Amino acid sequence: MPELTDQDREGRLRALRGLIDLMRPAVQADGGDLVLVRADVETGVVEVELQGACSSCAISSDTLQGGVTRILKDRLDWVTDVVGGVDESADLVASMALGTGGYVPRYRAR
């Protein structure tokens, strides 16, 4: 595989950021957010994090795998893997208060 030029790297990052920015409004509409944590444009590994209401959403892993991962891999041929998760530092009650759309509450056993 030929080595990437600085211009190639910048182009890949620009395309990745643009695609993340296209997806963010859909996540934000439900009280969450999608953040690019890190991207290795050489190996194609992208790390993202879901924040806000996504912390308490039962389908956040589906959003990450079925939505974010699929879209990034389909539209950016250099993306080989998407890793990430949900911001675990968010307060559960505050996170639930942010959710508006397809929010499904988690119940704790007492």
N, C-alpha and C. Protein backbone atom coordinates (compact mmCIF):
# COMPACT_ATOMS: atom_id res chain seq x y z
N MET A 1 0.85 -1.18 0.00
CA MET A 1 0.00 0.00 0.00
C MET A 1 0.89 1.24 0.00
N PRO A 2 0.64 2.16 -0.91
CA PRO A 2 1.48 3.36 -0.97
C PRO A 2 1.26 4.26 0.25
N GLU A 3 2.31 4.94 0.63
CA GLU A 3 2.24 5.84 1.78
C GLU A 3 1.38 7.06 1.44
N LEU A 4 0.60 7.49 2.39
CA LEU A 4 -0.26 8.65 2.18
C LEU A 4 0.53 9.94 2.26
N THR A 5 0.17 10.88 1.44
CA THR A 5 0.77 12.21 1.52
C THR A 5 0.03 13.01 2.59
N ASP A 6 0.61 14.12 2.99
CA ASP A 6 -0.07 15.00 3.94
C ASP A 6 -1.41 15.47 3.38
N GLN A 7 -1.45 15.70 2.09
CA GLN A 7 -2.68 16.15 1.45
C GLN A 7 -3.75 15.04 1.51
N ASP A 8 -3.32 13.78 1.31
CA ASP A 8 -4.25 12.64 1.42
C ASP A 8 -4.81 12.54 2.84
N ARG A 9 -3.91 12.67 3.82
CA ARG A 9 -4.35 12.59 5.23
C ARG A 9 -5.36 13.68 5.55
N GLU A 10 -5.05 14.90 5.13
CA GLU A 10 -5.96 16.02 5.38
C GLU A 10 -7.30 15.81 4.69
N GLY A 11 -7.28 15.28 3.48
CA GLY A 11 -8.51 15.01 2.75
C GLY A 11 -9.37 13.97 3.45
N ARG A 12 -8.73 12.92 3.96
CA ARG A 12 -9.47 11.89 4.68
C ARG A 12 -10.09 12.44 5.96
N LEU A 13 -9.32 13.23 6.70
CA LEU A 13 -9.85 13.81 7.94
C LEU A 13 -10.99 14.79 7.65
N ARG A 14 -10.84 15.56 6.61
CA ARG A 14 -11.88 16.53 6.24
C ARG A 14 -13.18 15.78 5.86
N ALA A 15 -13.05 14.72 5.09
CA ALA A 15 -14.23 13.93 4.69
C ALA A 15 -14.87 13.27 5.91
N LEU A 16 -14.05 12.75 6.82
CA LEU A 16 -14.57 12.12 8.03
C LEU A 16 -15.31 13.12 8.90
N ARG A 17 -14.70 14.27 9.14
CA ARG A 17 -15.36 15.30 9.95
C ARG A 17 -16.66 15.76 9.31
N GLY A 18 -16.66 15.89 7.99
CA GLY A 18 -17.87 16.30 7.28
C GLY A 18 -18.99 15.29 7.44
N LEU A 19 -18.65 14.01 7.37
CA LEU A 19 -19.65 12.96 7.52
C LEU A 19 -20.17 12.89 8.96
N ILE A 20 -19.28 13.05 9.93
CA ILE A 20 -19.70 13.09 11.34
C ILE A 20 -20.66 14.27 11.54
N ASP A 21 -20.31 15.41 10.96
CA ASP A 21 -21.16 16.60 11.10
C ASP A 21 -22.53 16.40 10.44
N LEU A 22 -22.60 15.58 9.39
CA LEU A 22 -23.88 15.27 8.77
C LEU A 22 -24.75 14.38 9.67
N MET A 23 -24.12 13.49 10.42
CA MET A 23 -24.86 12.56 11.28
C MET A 23 -25.27 13.18 12.62
N ARG A 24 -24.51 14.15 13.09
CA ARG A 24 -24.74 14.72 14.43
C ARG A 24 -26.16 15.26 14.65
N PRO A 25 -26.77 15.99 13.71
CA PRO A 25 -28.10 16.52 13.98
C PRO A 25 -29.14 15.44 14.30
N ALA A 26 -29.03 14.28 13.68
CA ALA A 26 -29.99 13.20 13.97
C ALA A 26 -29.83 12.71 15.41
N VAL A 27 -28.60 12.61 15.87
CA VAL A 27 -28.35 12.18 17.25
C VAL A 27 -28.73 13.30 18.22
N GLN A 28 -28.41 14.54 17.86
CA GLN A 28 -28.73 15.69 18.71
C GLN A 28 -30.23 15.89 18.85
N ALA A 29 -30.99 15.51 17.84
CA ALA A 29 -32.45 15.66 17.89
C ALA A 29 -33.05 14.81 19.00
N ASP A 30 -32.36 13.79 19.42
CA ASP A 30 -32.82 12.93 20.52
C ASP A 30 -32.10 13.25 21.83
N GLY A 31 -31.41 14.38 21.89
CA GLY A 31 -30.75 14.81 23.12
C GLY A 31 -29.35 14.28 23.31
N GLY A 32 -28.79 13.64 22.30
CA GLY A 32 -27.44 13.10 22.40
C GLY A 32 -26.47 13.88 21.55
N ASP A 33 -25.30 13.31 21.37
CA ASP A 33 -24.31 13.90 20.49
C ASP A 33 -23.35 12.82 20.04
N LEU A 34 -22.72 13.04 18.91
CA LEU A 34 -21.73 12.14 18.34
C LEU A 34 -20.43 12.91 18.21
N VAL A 35 -19.38 12.39 18.85
CA VAL A 35 -18.11 13.09 18.89
C VAL A 35 -17.02 12.20 18.30
N LEU A 36 -16.21 12.78 17.43
CA LEU A 36 -15.04 12.09 16.91
C LEU A 36 -13.94 12.18 17.95
N VAL A 37 -13.49 11.05 18.46
CA VAL A 37 -12.46 11.02 19.49
C VAL A 37 -11.08 10.98 18.85
N ARG A 38 -10.93 10.11 17.86
CA ARG A 38 -9.62 9.91 17.24
C ARG A 38 -9.82 9.22 15.90
N ALA A 39 -8.90 9.47 14.98
CA ALA A 39 -8.94 8.79 13.69
C ALA A 39 -7.53 8.53 13.21
N ASP A 40 -7.24 7.29 12.88
CA ASP A 40 -5.96 6.93 12.29
C ASP A 40 -6.22 6.71 10.81
N VAL A 41 -5.90 7.71 10.00
CA VAL A 41 -6.21 7.64 8.58
C VAL A 41 -5.30 6.66 7.84
N GLU A 42 -4.22 6.25 8.47
CA GLU A 42 -3.32 5.26 7.86
C GLU A 42 -3.92 3.86 7.95
N THR A 43 -4.41 3.50 9.15
CA THR A 43 -4.96 2.15 9.36
C THR A 43 -6.46 2.08 9.13
N GLY A 44 -7.13 3.23 9.13
CA GLY A 44 -8.57 3.27 8.91
C GLY A 44 -9.39 3.06 10.16
N VAL A 45 -8.78 3.14 11.33
CA VAL A 45 -9.51 2.96 12.58
C VAL A 45 -10.01 4.32 13.07
N VAL A 46 -11.32 4.38 13.31
CA VAL A 46 -11.97 5.61 13.76
C VAL A 46 -12.59 5.33 15.12
N GLU A 47 -12.39 6.26 16.07
CA GLU A 47 -12.99 6.12 17.39
C GLU A 47 -13.97 7.27 17.61
N VAL A 48 -15.20 6.91 18.00
CA VAL A 48 -16.25 7.89 18.26
C VAL A 48 -16.86 7.64 19.63
N GLU A 49 -17.59 8.65 20.11
CA GLU A 49 -18.28 8.50 21.40
C GLU A 49 -19.66 9.13 21.28
N LEU A 50 -20.65 8.42 21.82
CA LEU A 50 -22.00 8.96 21.94
C LEU A 50 -22.13 9.60 23.31
N GLN A 51 -22.71 10.79 23.36
CA GLN A 51 -22.82 11.52 24.61
C GLN A 51 -24.25 11.96 24.87
N GLY A 52 -24.46 12.63 26.00
CA GLY A 52 -25.77 13.18 26.33
C GLY A 52 -26.77 12.10 26.63
N ALA A 53 -27.96 12.20 26.04
CA ALA A 53 -29.04 11.24 26.29
C ALA A 53 -28.66 9.83 25.85
N CYS A 54 -27.65 9.70 25.01
CA CYS A 54 -27.22 8.38 24.56
C CYS A 54 -26.72 7.53 25.73
N SER A 55 -26.29 8.18 26.81
CA SER A 55 -25.77 7.46 27.97
C SER A 55 -26.82 6.58 28.63
N SER A 56 -28.09 6.96 28.52
CA SER A 56 -29.15 6.19 29.16
C SER A 56 -30.06 5.50 28.14
N CYS A 57 -29.69 5.55 26.88
CA CYS A 57 -30.55 5.00 25.84
C CYS A 57 -30.24 3.53 25.59
N ALA A 58 -31.28 2.72 25.60
CA ALA A 58 -31.12 1.28 25.42
C ALA A 58 -30.66 0.90 24.02
N ILE A 59 -30.86 1.77 23.05
CA ILE A 59 -30.47 1.43 21.68
C ILE A 59 -29.22 2.16 21.20
N SER A 60 -28.45 2.73 22.13
CA SER A 60 -27.25 3.47 21.72
C SER A 60 -26.23 2.56 21.03
N SER A 61 -26.12 1.31 21.45
CA SER A 61 -25.18 0.41 20.78
C SER A 61 -25.65 0.11 19.36
N ASP A 62 -26.96 0.06 19.14
CA ASP A 62 -27.50 -0.12 17.79
C ASP A 62 -27.20 1.10 16.93
N THR A 63 -27.31 2.27 17.50
CA THR A 63 -26.99 3.50 16.79
C THR A 63 -25.53 3.49 16.36
N LEU A 64 -24.67 3.07 17.28
CA LEU A 64 -23.24 3.04 16.98
C LEU A 64 -22.91 2.02 15.91
N GLN A 65 -23.42 0.81 16.03
CA GLN A 65 -23.09 -0.24 15.08
C GLN A 65 -23.91 -0.16 13.80
N GLY A 66 -25.21 -0.07 13.93
CA GLY A 66 -26.07 -0.09 12.75
C GLY A 66 -26.11 1.20 11.99
N GLY A 67 -25.83 2.29 12.67
CA GLY A 67 -25.89 3.59 12.02
C GLY A 67 -24.52 4.16 11.72
N VAL A 68 -23.83 4.56 12.75
CA VAL A 68 -22.55 5.26 12.59
C VAL A 68 -21.53 4.39 11.86
N THR A 69 -21.32 3.17 12.33
CA THR A 69 -20.32 2.29 11.71
C THR A 69 -20.66 2.01 10.25
N ARG A 70 -21.91 1.66 10.01
CA ARG A 70 -22.33 1.34 8.64
C ARG A 70 -22.12 2.52 7.70
N ILE A 71 -22.54 3.70 8.13
CA ILE A 71 -22.42 4.88 7.28
C ILE A 71 -20.96 5.22 7.01
N LEU A 72 -20.12 5.20 8.05
CA LEU A 72 -18.71 5.54 7.85
C LEU A 72 -18.04 4.56 6.90
N LYS A 73 -18.29 3.27 7.09
CA LYS A 73 -17.65 2.26 6.23
C LYS A 73 -18.19 2.30 4.80
N ASP A 74 -19.48 2.57 4.65
CA ASP A 74 -20.08 2.63 3.31
C ASP A 74 -19.60 3.83 2.51
N ARG A 75 -19.41 4.95 3.19
CA ARG A 75 -19.11 6.19 2.46
C ARG A 75 -17.64 6.55 2.41
N LEU A 76 -16.84 5.98 3.30
CA LEU A 76 -15.40 6.25 3.30
C LEU A 76 -14.68 4.91 3.15
N ASP A 77 -14.23 4.63 1.94
CA ASP A 77 -13.66 3.31 1.66
C ASP A 77 -12.38 3.00 2.44
N TRP A 78 -11.77 3.99 3.02
CA TRP A 78 -10.53 3.75 3.79
C TRP A 78 -10.81 3.37 5.24
N VAL A 79 -12.05 3.53 5.72
CA VAL A 79 -12.39 3.18 7.10
C VAL A 79 -12.49 1.66 7.21
N THR A 80 -11.65 1.09 8.11
CA THR A 80 -11.63 -0.36 8.30
C THR A 80 -12.34 -0.80 9.56
N ASP A 81 -12.37 0.08 10.57
CA ASP A 81 -12.99 -0.29 11.84
C ASP A 81 -13.46 0.97 12.56
N VAL A 82 -14.61 0.87 13.20
CA VAL A 82 -15.13 1.97 14.01
C VAL A 82 -15.28 1.43 15.42
N VAL A 83 -14.59 2.07 16.36
CA VAL A 83 -14.67 1.67 17.76
C VAL A 83 -15.21 2.84 18.55
N GLY A 84 -15.71 2.54 19.71
CA GLY A 84 -16.21 3.61 20.56
C GLY A 84 -17.30 3.11 21.45
N GLY A 85 -17.95 4.03 22.05
CA GLY A 85 -19.00 3.66 22.96
C GLY A 85 -19.76 4.87 23.42
N VAL A 86 -20.25 4.76 24.63
CA VAL A 86 -21.09 5.78 25.22
C VAL A 86 -20.35 6.43 26.38
N ASP A 87 -20.53 7.72 26.52
CA ASP A 87 -19.92 8.45 27.64
C ASP A 87 -20.50 7.93 28.94
N GLU A 88 -19.71 7.17 29.67
CA GLU A 88 -20.18 6.55 30.91
C GLU A 88 -20.12 7.50 32.10
N SER A 89 -19.54 8.68 31.92
CA SER A 89 -19.41 9.61 33.04
C SER A 89 -20.68 10.42 33.27
N ALA A 90 -21.61 10.36 32.33
CA ALA A 90 -22.84 11.15 32.45
C ALA A 90 -23.73 10.61 33.55
N ASP A 91 -24.37 11.51 34.27
CA ASP A 91 -25.33 11.15 35.30
C ASP A 91 -26.56 10.54 34.64
N LEU A 92 -27.00 9.38 35.11
CA LEU A 92 -28.10 8.65 34.49
C LEU A 92 -29.39 9.47 34.47
N VAL A 93 -29.73 10.12 35.57
CA VAL A 93 -30.98 10.90 35.64
C VAL A 93 -30.90 12.10 34.70
N ALA A 94 -29.77 12.79 34.70
CA ALA A 94 -29.61 13.94 33.81
C ALA A 94 -29.65 13.50 32.35
N SER A 95 -29.05 12.36 32.06
CA SER A 95 -29.06 11.83 30.70
C SER A 95 -30.47 11.51 30.24
N MET A 96 -31.25 10.88 31.12
CA MET A 96 -32.63 10.52 30.77
C MET A 96 -33.46 11.77 30.51
N ALA A 97 -33.18 12.85 31.23
CA ALA A 97 -33.94 14.08 31.07
C ALA A 97 -33.68 14.74 29.71
N LEU A 98 -32.54 14.41 29.08
CA LEU A 98 -32.19 14.99 27.79
C LEU A 98 -32.90 14.31 26.63
N GLY A 99 -33.26 13.06 26.81
CA GLY A 99 -33.82 12.27 25.71
C GLY A 99 -35.20 12.74 25.30
N THR A 100 -35.45 12.69 23.99
CA THR A 100 -36.75 13.11 23.50
C THR A 100 -37.35 12.12 22.51
N GLY A 101 -36.55 11.58 21.63
CA GLY A 101 -37.07 10.77 20.53
C GLY A 101 -37.39 9.35 20.91
N GLY A 102 -36.58 8.42 20.47
CA GLY A 102 -36.82 7.00 20.67
C GLY A 102 -36.26 6.50 21.97
N TYR A 103 -36.28 7.30 23.00
CA TYR A 103 -35.71 6.94 24.28
C TYR A 103 -36.47 5.77 24.92
N VAL A 104 -35.74 4.77 25.36
CA VAL A 104 -36.31 3.63 26.05
C VAL A 104 -35.63 3.56 27.42
N PRO A 105 -36.37 3.77 28.51
CA PRO A 105 -35.74 3.82 29.83
C PRO A 105 -35.21 2.46 30.28
N ARG A 106 -34.17 2.51 31.06
CA ARG A 106 -33.64 1.31 31.72
C ARG A 106 -34.14 1.33 33.15
N TYR A 107 -34.59 0.22 33.61
CA TYR A 107 -35.09 0.14 34.99
C TYR A 107 -34.10 -0.63 35.84
N ARG A 108 -33.87 -0.12 37.02
CA ARG A 108 -32.97 -0.79 37.95
C ARG A 108 -33.78 -1.69 38.87
N ALA A 109 -33.29 -2.88 39.07
CA ALA A 109 -33.96 -3.80 40.02
C ALA A 109 -33.72 -3.29 41.43
N ARG A 110 -34.75 -3.38 42.25
CA ARG A 110 -34.61 -2.91 43.64
C ARG A 110 -34.50 -4.07 44.56
